[in-house]
Amino acid sequence: MTQAPAFESDQELLKLAQGLRDAFGAPAPVALSRRTVVGFRGKAKLYYYPPKDGGRFKTPLVLFPYLGISRPYIFDLRPGESFAEFLYEQGIPFYLCDWGIFGPEDRDMGMDDVIGDMIPSLIRQAVRHSGAEGVTAFGYCMGVPMTTSAIAAQPGLPVKNFLGMVGPIDFTIGEFPRMTDDDKFDVDAILETFDMMPAEFIRSGFKMLNPMGDVSQAQSLLQNVSNPGWLVGYKAMNRWASEWLPLPKQFFRGWVRHFYQGNELFQGKFRVLGETVNLRDITMPILAVGASRDDIVPPGSARALIDSVGSTDKQFLELEGGHISVIAGRRAQQQVWPALLQWLKDHDD
């Protein structure tokens, strides 16, 4: 049970009341970096974040995050805690795919649409907008298997490098594979009733990995609620963590069947638009990053990318953090972002 702090005066109690009022008051402002929309495909928007002083890097970075589940502003959470802001300061042209918010009208959007059409289209739009010869594609979480599949299916895509962060490749590793085992998880029966995979179901699945997370969060709030600086960061992160999104019905069906239950990508059996894709066909420089405390994508699942591709210039980094804190938070700023920057510098030619 959460232990409430003791108060020695009415003044301390009033500070607590004011802090709780602020914590549950107006939503925190997020996604404040300067950006413009430079591309579309379906509901997906391609945002461009112009670099400082015109930029110092020749190769743009194009980020494909998870599809649905939550909003992508975690990469631009707030000033001082923004990966987009960091890239701006370093002079790196940055593009971010925002998949949009799906509704019942998207029920038939499947993996072929995302992998065979949307990702390739957005990569080409980024190349046209930037004027560069190619890009560094950056997959985060679900974006790793989706983007690597797109690159393997279309070797002619103008992608010079690939950066994969906390993305599952070997879908036999971790708790999610056990939760979605075909003997226990009948995806057809679940989706029979719904036009979408409801956001509430997705939230419940993630909460099952850390059932005490909400209690820990409440305890942390009570202990720090009278600290205005801490509260600003908490509100921004809590806003992001509370905005769950649904997934298109057919995409979710394919994701579970082909990746979690079939492990087809890792086994070389996955098909895009009817053609089998082989990760060995990917030969560009690759950096794969795993997080040491990741309950969603254990490091071994992320490391499997390095074992699967045909690249000779390939590296795996296991960095300190969890699935989200590895890209957002103080430790990310101190350890992860500089490591990514060095790799991007070494591959900017």
Protein backbone atom coordinates (compact mmCIF):
# COMPACT_ATOMS: atom_id res chain seq x y z
CA MET A 1 0.00 0.00 0.00
CA THR A 2 1.20 3.52 -0.80
CA GLN A 3 2.53 5.29 2.28
CA ALA A 4 1.37 8.90 2.51
CA PRO A 5 3.97 11.39 3.73
CA ALA A 6 3.66 12.82 7.24
CA PHE A 7 2.98 16.55 7.63
CA GLU A 8 4.28 18.66 10.48
CA SER A 9 2.29 21.80 9.72
CA ASP A 10 -0.79 23.10 7.98
CA GLN A 11 1.54 24.86 5.54
CA GLU A 12 2.94 21.54 4.34
CA LEU A 13 -0.56 20.16 3.96
CA LEU A 14 -1.55 23.20 1.89
CA LYS A 15 1.49 22.66 -0.34
CA LEU A 16 0.37 19.08 -0.88
CA ALA A 17 -3.14 20.21 -1.77
CA GLN A 18 -1.82 22.80 -4.21
CA GLY A 19 0.54 20.29 -5.78
CA LEU A 20 -2.23 17.74 -6.29
CA ARG A 21 -4.42 20.46 -7.79
CA ASP A 22 -1.65 21.30 -10.25
CA ALA A 23 -0.95 17.62 -10.99
CA PHE A 24 -4.56 16.94 -11.98
CA GLY A 25 -5.25 20.32 -13.50
CA ALA A 26 -4.73 21.57 -17.06
CA PRO A 27 -2.77 19.18 -19.31
CA ALA A 28 0.94 19.88 -19.65
CA PRO A 29 2.02 21.53 -22.93
CA VAL A 30 3.93 19.06 -25.12
CA ALA A 31 5.47 18.87 -28.63
CA LEU A 32 6.68 22.47 -28.63
CA SER A 33 9.60 22.18 -31.08
CA ARG A 34 9.23 23.96 -34.40
CA ARG A 35 8.03 21.61 -37.11
CA THR A 36 6.12 21.51 -40.38
CA VAL A 37 4.11 18.81 -42.17
CA VAL A 38 5.94 17.85 -45.36
CA GLY A 39 4.32 14.54 -46.28
CA PHE A 40 1.22 12.37 -46.00
CA ARG A 41 0.16 8.79 -46.61
CA GLY A 42 -3.31 7.90 -45.45
CA LYS A 43 -3.70 9.35 -41.96
CA ALA A 44 0.06 9.38 -41.43
CA LYS A 45 1.81 12.74 -41.37
CA LEU A 46 5.52 13.28 -41.90
CA TYR A 47 6.77 16.08 -39.67
CA TYR A 48 10.02 17.90 -40.44
CA TYR A 49 12.07 19.45 -37.65
CA PRO A 50 14.56 21.85 -39.25
CA PRO A 51 18.06 21.75 -37.72
CA LYS A 52 19.87 24.67 -36.11
CA ASP A 53 21.65 27.07 -38.47
CA GLY A 54 20.69 25.05 -41.53
CA GLY A 55 22.19 21.83 -40.22
CA ARG A 56 25.59 20.16 -40.09
CA PHE A 57 24.59 16.65 -41.20
CA LYS A 58 24.07 15.57 -44.80
CA THR A 59 21.96 12.51 -43.99
CA PRO A 60 18.47 13.13 -42.55
CA LEU A 61 17.06 10.95 -39.78
CA VAL A 62 13.56 9.55 -40.39
CA LEU A 63 11.84 8.04 -37.34
CA PHE A 64 9.08 5.43 -37.56
CA PRO A 65 7.67 4.72 -34.07
CA TYR A 66 5.00 2.29 -32.88
CA LEU A 67 1.70 2.35 -34.78
CA GLY A 68 -1.23 3.22 -32.51
CA ILE A 69 -0.80 2.45 -28.78
CA SER A 70 0.32 5.98 -27.78
CA ARG A 71 1.19 9.36 -29.26
CA PRO A 72 4.64 10.04 -30.77
CA TYR A 73 5.24 13.30 -28.90
CA ILE A 74 7.31 11.31 -26.41
CA PHE A 75 10.17 12.23 -28.79
CA ASP A 76 9.42 15.92 -28.23
CA LEU A 77 8.03 15.82 -24.72
CA ARG A 78 8.91 19.28 -23.45
CA PRO A 79 11.79 21.79 -23.61
CA GLY A 80 14.84 20.36 -21.90
CA GLU A 81 13.52 16.81 -22.24
CA SER A 82 13.10 16.56 -26.00
CA PHE A 83 14.98 14.23 -28.36
CA ALA A 84 13.83 16.45 -31.24
CA GLU A 85 15.35 19.47 -29.50
CA PHE A 86 18.62 17.57 -29.03
CA LEU A 87 18.75 16.74 -32.75
CA TYR A 88 18.02 20.40 -33.57
CA GLU A 89 20.97 21.55 -31.47
CA GLN A 90 23.25 18.98 -33.12
CA GLY A 91 22.27 20.12 -36.62
CA ILE A 92 20.54 16.90 -37.70
CA PRO A 93 17.60 17.16 -40.13
CA PHE A 94 14.84 15.16 -38.48
CA TYR A 95 11.61 13.67 -39.81
CA LEU A 96 9.02 11.99 -37.57
CA CYS A 97 6.13 9.83 -38.74
CA ASP A 98 2.90 10.40 -36.81
CA TRP A 99 0.60 7.55 -37.81
CA GLY A 100 -2.50 9.45 -36.71
CA ILE A 101 -5.49 8.31 -34.68
CA PHE A 102 -7.27 5.33 -36.18
CA GLY A 103 -11.02 4.83 -36.24
CA PRO A 104 -13.50 2.20 -37.49
CA GLU A 105 -12.94 3.42 -41.04
CA ASP A 106 -9.39 1.99 -40.80
CA ARG A 107 -10.51 -1.51 -39.82
CA ASP A 108 -9.17 -3.08 -43.04
CA MET A 109 -5.74 -1.43 -42.94
CA GLY A 110 -3.29 -4.29 -42.69
CA MET A 111 0.43 -4.93 -42.46
CA ASP A 112 0.84 -4.86 -46.25
CA ASP A 113 -0.56 -1.31 -46.29
CA VAL A 114 1.86 -0.11 -43.63
CA ILE A 115 4.97 -2.04 -44.63
CA GLY A 116 4.51 -2.33 -48.38
CA ASP A 117 3.13 1.14 -49.07
CA MET A 118 3.15 3.72 -46.27
CA ILE A 119 6.71 3.37 -44.97
CA PRO A 120 8.32 3.31 -48.45
CA SER A 121 6.22 6.31 -49.53
CA LEU A 122 7.18 8.38 -46.48
CA ILE A 123 10.88 7.53 -46.90
CA ARG A 124 10.76 8.74 -50.51
CA GLN A 125 8.88 11.89 -49.48
CA ALA A 126 11.58 12.65 -46.89
CA VAL A 127 14.29 12.19 -49.53
CA ARG A 128 12.50 14.50 -51.97
CA HIS A 129 11.95 17.15 -49.33
CA SER A 130 15.52 17.03 -48.01
CA GLY A 131 17.27 16.80 -51.36
CA ALA A 132 19.57 14.16 -49.85
CA GLU A 133 20.64 10.99 -51.64
CA GLY A 134 19.30 8.82 -48.84
CA VAL A 135 18.25 8.79 -45.20
CA THR A 136 19.02 7.05 -41.96
CA ALA A 137 15.83 5.16 -41.15
CA PHE A 138 15.13 4.95 -37.41
CA GLY A 139 12.71 2.35 -36.11
CA TYR A 140 11.50 2.53 -32.53
CA CYS A 141 9.62 -0.34 -30.85
CA MET A 142 7.11 -1.72 -33.41
CA GLY A 143 8.78 0.54 -35.95
CA VAL A 144 11.84 -1.74 -36.01
CA PRO A 145 10.25 -4.90 -37.47
CA MET A 146 7.95 -2.80 -39.68
CA THR A 147 10.76 -0.69 -41.15
CA THR A 148 13.25 -3.52 -41.55
CA SER A 149 10.56 -5.52 -43.36
CA ALA A 150 9.92 -2.57 -45.69
CA ILE A 151 13.63 -2.19 -46.45
CA ALA A 152 14.12 -5.91 -47.04
CA ALA A 153 11.05 -6.03 -49.30
CA GLN A 154 12.25 -3.06 -51.38
CA PRO A 155 16.08 -3.06 -51.47
CA GLY A 156 16.02 -0.03 -53.78
CA LEU A 157 14.65 2.29 -51.11
CA PRO A 158 16.95 5.29 -50.56
CA VAL A 159 18.05 4.22 -47.07
CA LYS A 160 21.77 4.55 -46.28
CA ASN A 161 21.74 3.44 -42.64
CA PHE A 162 19.34 1.85 -40.18
CA LEU A 163 18.98 2.55 -36.47
CA GLY A 164 16.73 0.22 -34.49
CA MET A 165 15.84 0.94 -30.87
CA VAL A 166 14.06 -1.44 -28.45
CA GLY A 167 12.40 -3.21 -31.36
CA PRO A 168 11.41 -6.90 -31.27
CA ILE A 169 12.89 -9.18 -33.92
CA ASP A 170 12.91 -12.56 -32.18
CA PHE A 171 9.33 -12.74 -30.96
CA THR A 172 9.91 -15.79 -28.77
CA ILE A 173 11.71 -13.75 -26.11
CA GLY A 174 9.84 -11.97 -23.32
CA GLU A 175 6.44 -11.97 -21.64
CA PHE A 176 4.33 -10.72 -24.57
CA PRO A 177 4.97 -13.92 -26.59
CA ARG A 178 3.65 -15.95 -23.66
CA MET A 179 0.62 -13.67 -23.27
CA THR A 180 -0.21 -13.96 -26.99
CA ASP A 181 0.51 -17.68 -27.45
CA ASP A 182 -2.02 -19.11 -29.92
CA ASP A 183 -3.19 -21.65 -27.33
CA LYS A 184 -4.22 -18.82 -25.00
CA PHE A 185 -4.85 -15.81 -27.24
CA ASP A 186 -7.53 -16.24 -29.91
CA VAL A 187 -7.05 -13.04 -31.87
CA ASP A 188 -9.97 -13.80 -34.20
CA ALA A 189 -12.40 -14.24 -31.31
CA ILE A 190 -11.21 -10.99 -29.72
CA LEU A 191 -11.60 -8.97 -32.90
CA GLU A 192 -14.90 -10.57 -33.90
CA THR A 193 -16.76 -8.09 -31.73
CA PHE A 194 -14.78 -4.94 -32.54
CA ASP A 195 -13.91 -2.84 -35.57
CA MET A 196 -10.65 -1.91 -33.82
CA MET A 197 -8.37 -3.34 -31.17
CA PRO A 198 -9.67 -1.08 -28.37
CA ALA A 199 -7.26 1.22 -26.57
CA GLU A 200 -8.53 -0.14 -23.24
CA PHE A 201 -7.43 -3.68 -24.18
CA ILE A 202 -4.00 -2.42 -25.24
CA ARG A 203 -3.60 -0.54 -21.98
CA SER A 204 -4.55 -3.63 -19.99
CA GLY A 205 -1.99 -5.75 -21.83
CA PHE A 206 0.85 -3.37 -21.00
CA LYS A 207 -0.31 -2.95 -17.40
CA MET A 208 -0.14 -6.72 -16.93
CA LEU A 209 3.63 -6.53 -17.45
CA ASN A 210 3.93 -4.18 -14.47
CA PRO A 211 0.84 -4.53 -12.27
CA MET A 212 2.34 -2.41 -9.46
CA GLY A 213 3.29 0.45 -11.76
CA ASP A 214 0.31 2.62 -10.89
CA VAL A 215 0.95 2.18 -7.15
CA SER A 216 4.60 3.14 -7.58
CA GLN A 217 3.60 6.19 -9.62
CA ALA A 218 1.12 7.32 -6.96
CA GLN A 219 3.75 6.96 -4.26
CA SER A 220 6.24 8.99 -6.26
CA LEU A 221 3.64 11.72 -6.80
CA LEU A 222 2.89 11.99 -3.08
CA GLN A 223 6.58 12.21 -2.26
CA ASN A 224 7.39 14.90 -4.84
CA VAL A 225 4.15 16.79 -5.37
CA SER A 226 5.34 19.92 -3.56
CA ASN A 227 8.38 20.18 -5.87
CA PRO A 228 7.28 22.42 -8.79
CA GLY A 229 10.23 21.43 -11.02
CA TRP A 230 9.54 17.72 -10.60
CA LEU A 231 5.82 18.24 -11.11
CA VAL A 232 6.28 19.87 -14.53
CA GLY A 233 8.09 16.78 -15.85
CA TYR A 234 5.62 14.43 -14.20
CA LYS A 235 2.63 16.14 -15.82
CA ALA A 236 4.13 15.92 -19.29
CA MET A 237 5.05 12.25 -18.95
CA ASN A 238 1.76 11.37 -17.27
CA ARG A 239 -0.17 13.02 -20.11
CA TRP A 240 1.66 10.89 -22.65
CA ALA A 241 1.25 7.72 -20.57
CA SER A 242 -2.52 8.32 -20.27
CA GLU A 243 -3.30 8.80 -23.98
CA TRP A 244 -3.78 5.25 -25.27
CA LEU A 245 -4.75 4.68 -28.90
CA PRO A 246 -6.53 1.81 -30.69
CA LEU A 247 -5.05 -0.31 -33.47
CA PRO A 248 -6.63 -1.13 -36.83
CA LYS A 249 -8.33 -4.50 -36.73
CA GLN A 250 -6.52 -6.22 -39.59
CA PHE A 251 -3.13 -4.78 -38.65
CA PHE A 252 -3.44 -6.11 -35.11
CA ARG A 253 -4.55 -9.51 -36.42
CA GLY A 254 -1.50 -9.72 -38.69
CA TRP A 255 0.87 -8.40 -36.03
CA VAL A 256 -0.15 -11.12 -33.57
CA ARG A 257 -0.40 -13.98 -36.08
CA HIS A 258 2.72 -13.34 -38.15
CA PHE A 259 5.08 -11.89 -35.57
CA TYR A 260 4.12 -12.99 -32.06
CA GLN A 261 2.57 -16.35 -32.83
CA GLY A 262 4.48 -17.26 -35.98
CA ASN A 263 7.82 -15.45 -35.40
CA GLU A 264 7.90 -15.32 -39.20
CA LEU A 265 10.24 -12.34 -39.62
CA PHE A 266 13.02 -13.94 -37.57
CA GLN A 267 12.50 -17.30 -39.31
CA GLY A 268 12.61 -15.81 -42.82
CA LYS A 269 8.98 -16.68 -43.60
CA PHE A 270 7.27 -13.28 -43.41
CA ARG A 271 5.60 -12.02 -46.58
CA VAL A 272 5.01 -8.46 -47.77
CA LEU A 273 2.58 -8.09 -50.67
CA GLY A 274 2.88 -11.82 -51.27
CA GLU A 275 6.67 -11.94 -51.45
CA THR A 276 8.84 -13.48 -48.74
CA VAL A 277 11.28 -11.03 -47.17
CA ASN A 278 14.68 -11.97 -45.83
CA LEU A 279 16.50 -9.73 -43.38
CA ARG A 280 19.76 -11.05 -44.87
CA ASP A 281 19.01 -8.81 -47.84
CA ILE A 282 19.67 -5.78 -45.61
CA THR A 283 23.36 -4.90 -46.03
CA MET A 284 23.54 -1.25 -44.93
CA PRO A 285 25.23 -0.11 -41.69
CA ILE A 286 23.04 -0.97 -38.70
CA LEU A 287 22.93 -0.01 -35.04
CA ALA A 288 20.52 -1.92 -32.80
CA VAL A 289 19.86 -0.69 -29.27
CA GLY A 290 18.35 -2.64 -26.40
CA ALA A 291 17.42 -1.40 -22.94
CA SER A 292 18.71 -3.31 -19.92
CA ARG A 293 15.43 -3.01 -17.96
CA ASP A 294 12.99 -3.37 -20.83
CA ASP A 295 10.01 -5.55 -19.87
CA ILE A 296 8.31 -5.04 -23.25
CA VAL A 297 11.20 -5.88 -25.61
CA PRO A 298 13.99 -7.68 -23.73
CA PRO A 299 17.52 -6.98 -25.01
CA GLY A 300 17.79 -10.45 -26.55
CA SER A 301 14.82 -9.79 -28.80
CA ALA A 302 16.31 -6.50 -30.01
CA ARG A 303 19.79 -8.02 -30.44
CA ALA A 304 18.37 -10.58 -32.86
CA LEU A 305 18.37 -7.89 -35.55
CA ILE A 306 22.17 -7.99 -35.65
CA ASP A 307 22.12 -11.77 -36.02
CA SER A 308 19.56 -11.60 -38.84
CA VAL A 309 20.83 -8.94 -41.28
CA GLY A 310 23.47 -9.34 -43.95
CA SER A 311 25.34 -6.16 -43.00
CA THR A 312 29.04 -6.26 -42.17
CA ASP A 313 28.94 -2.87 -40.42
CA LYS A 314 26.61 -3.73 -37.56
CA GLN A 315 26.61 -3.08 -33.84
CA PHE A 316 24.46 -3.83 -30.82
CA LEU A 317 24.37 -1.57 -27.77
CA GLU A 318 22.64 -2.54 -24.55
CA LEU A 319 22.07 0.72 -22.70
CA GLU A 320 20.73 1.43 -19.24
CA GLY A 321 17.01 2.13 -19.05
CA GLY A 322 13.54 0.82 -19.69
CA HIS A 323 11.48 0.74 -22.86
CA ILE A 324 10.63 4.44 -22.64
CA SER A 325 13.34 5.84 -20.36
CA VAL A 326 15.99 4.73 -22.86
CA ILE A 327 14.83 7.54 -25.20
CA ALA A 328 13.13 9.98 -22.79
CA GLY A 329 14.49 11.11 -19.44
CA ARG A 330 17.63 12.30 -17.72
CA ARG A 331 19.64 9.11 -18.24
CA ALA A 332 18.73 9.12 -21.94
CA GLN A 333 20.12 12.64 -22.27
CA GLN A 334 23.34 11.69 -20.52
CA GLN A 335 24.05 8.29 -22.06
CA VAL A 336 21.76 7.27 -24.91
CA TRP A 337 21.47 10.42 -27.00
CA PRO A 338 25.26 10.99 -27.10
CA ALA A 339 25.80 7.35 -28.17
CA LEU A 340 23.30 7.73 -31.02
CA LEU A 341 24.89 11.03 -32.02
CA GLN A 342 28.34 9.47 -32.30
CA TRP A 343 27.04 6.65 -34.49
CA LEU A 344 25.17 9.11 -36.71
CA LYS A 345 28.34 11.21 -37.07
CA ASP A 346 30.36 8.14 -38.02
CA HIS A 347 27.82 7.25 -40.73
CA ASP A 348 27.08 10.68 -42.19
CA ASP A 349 28.66 10.41 -45.62
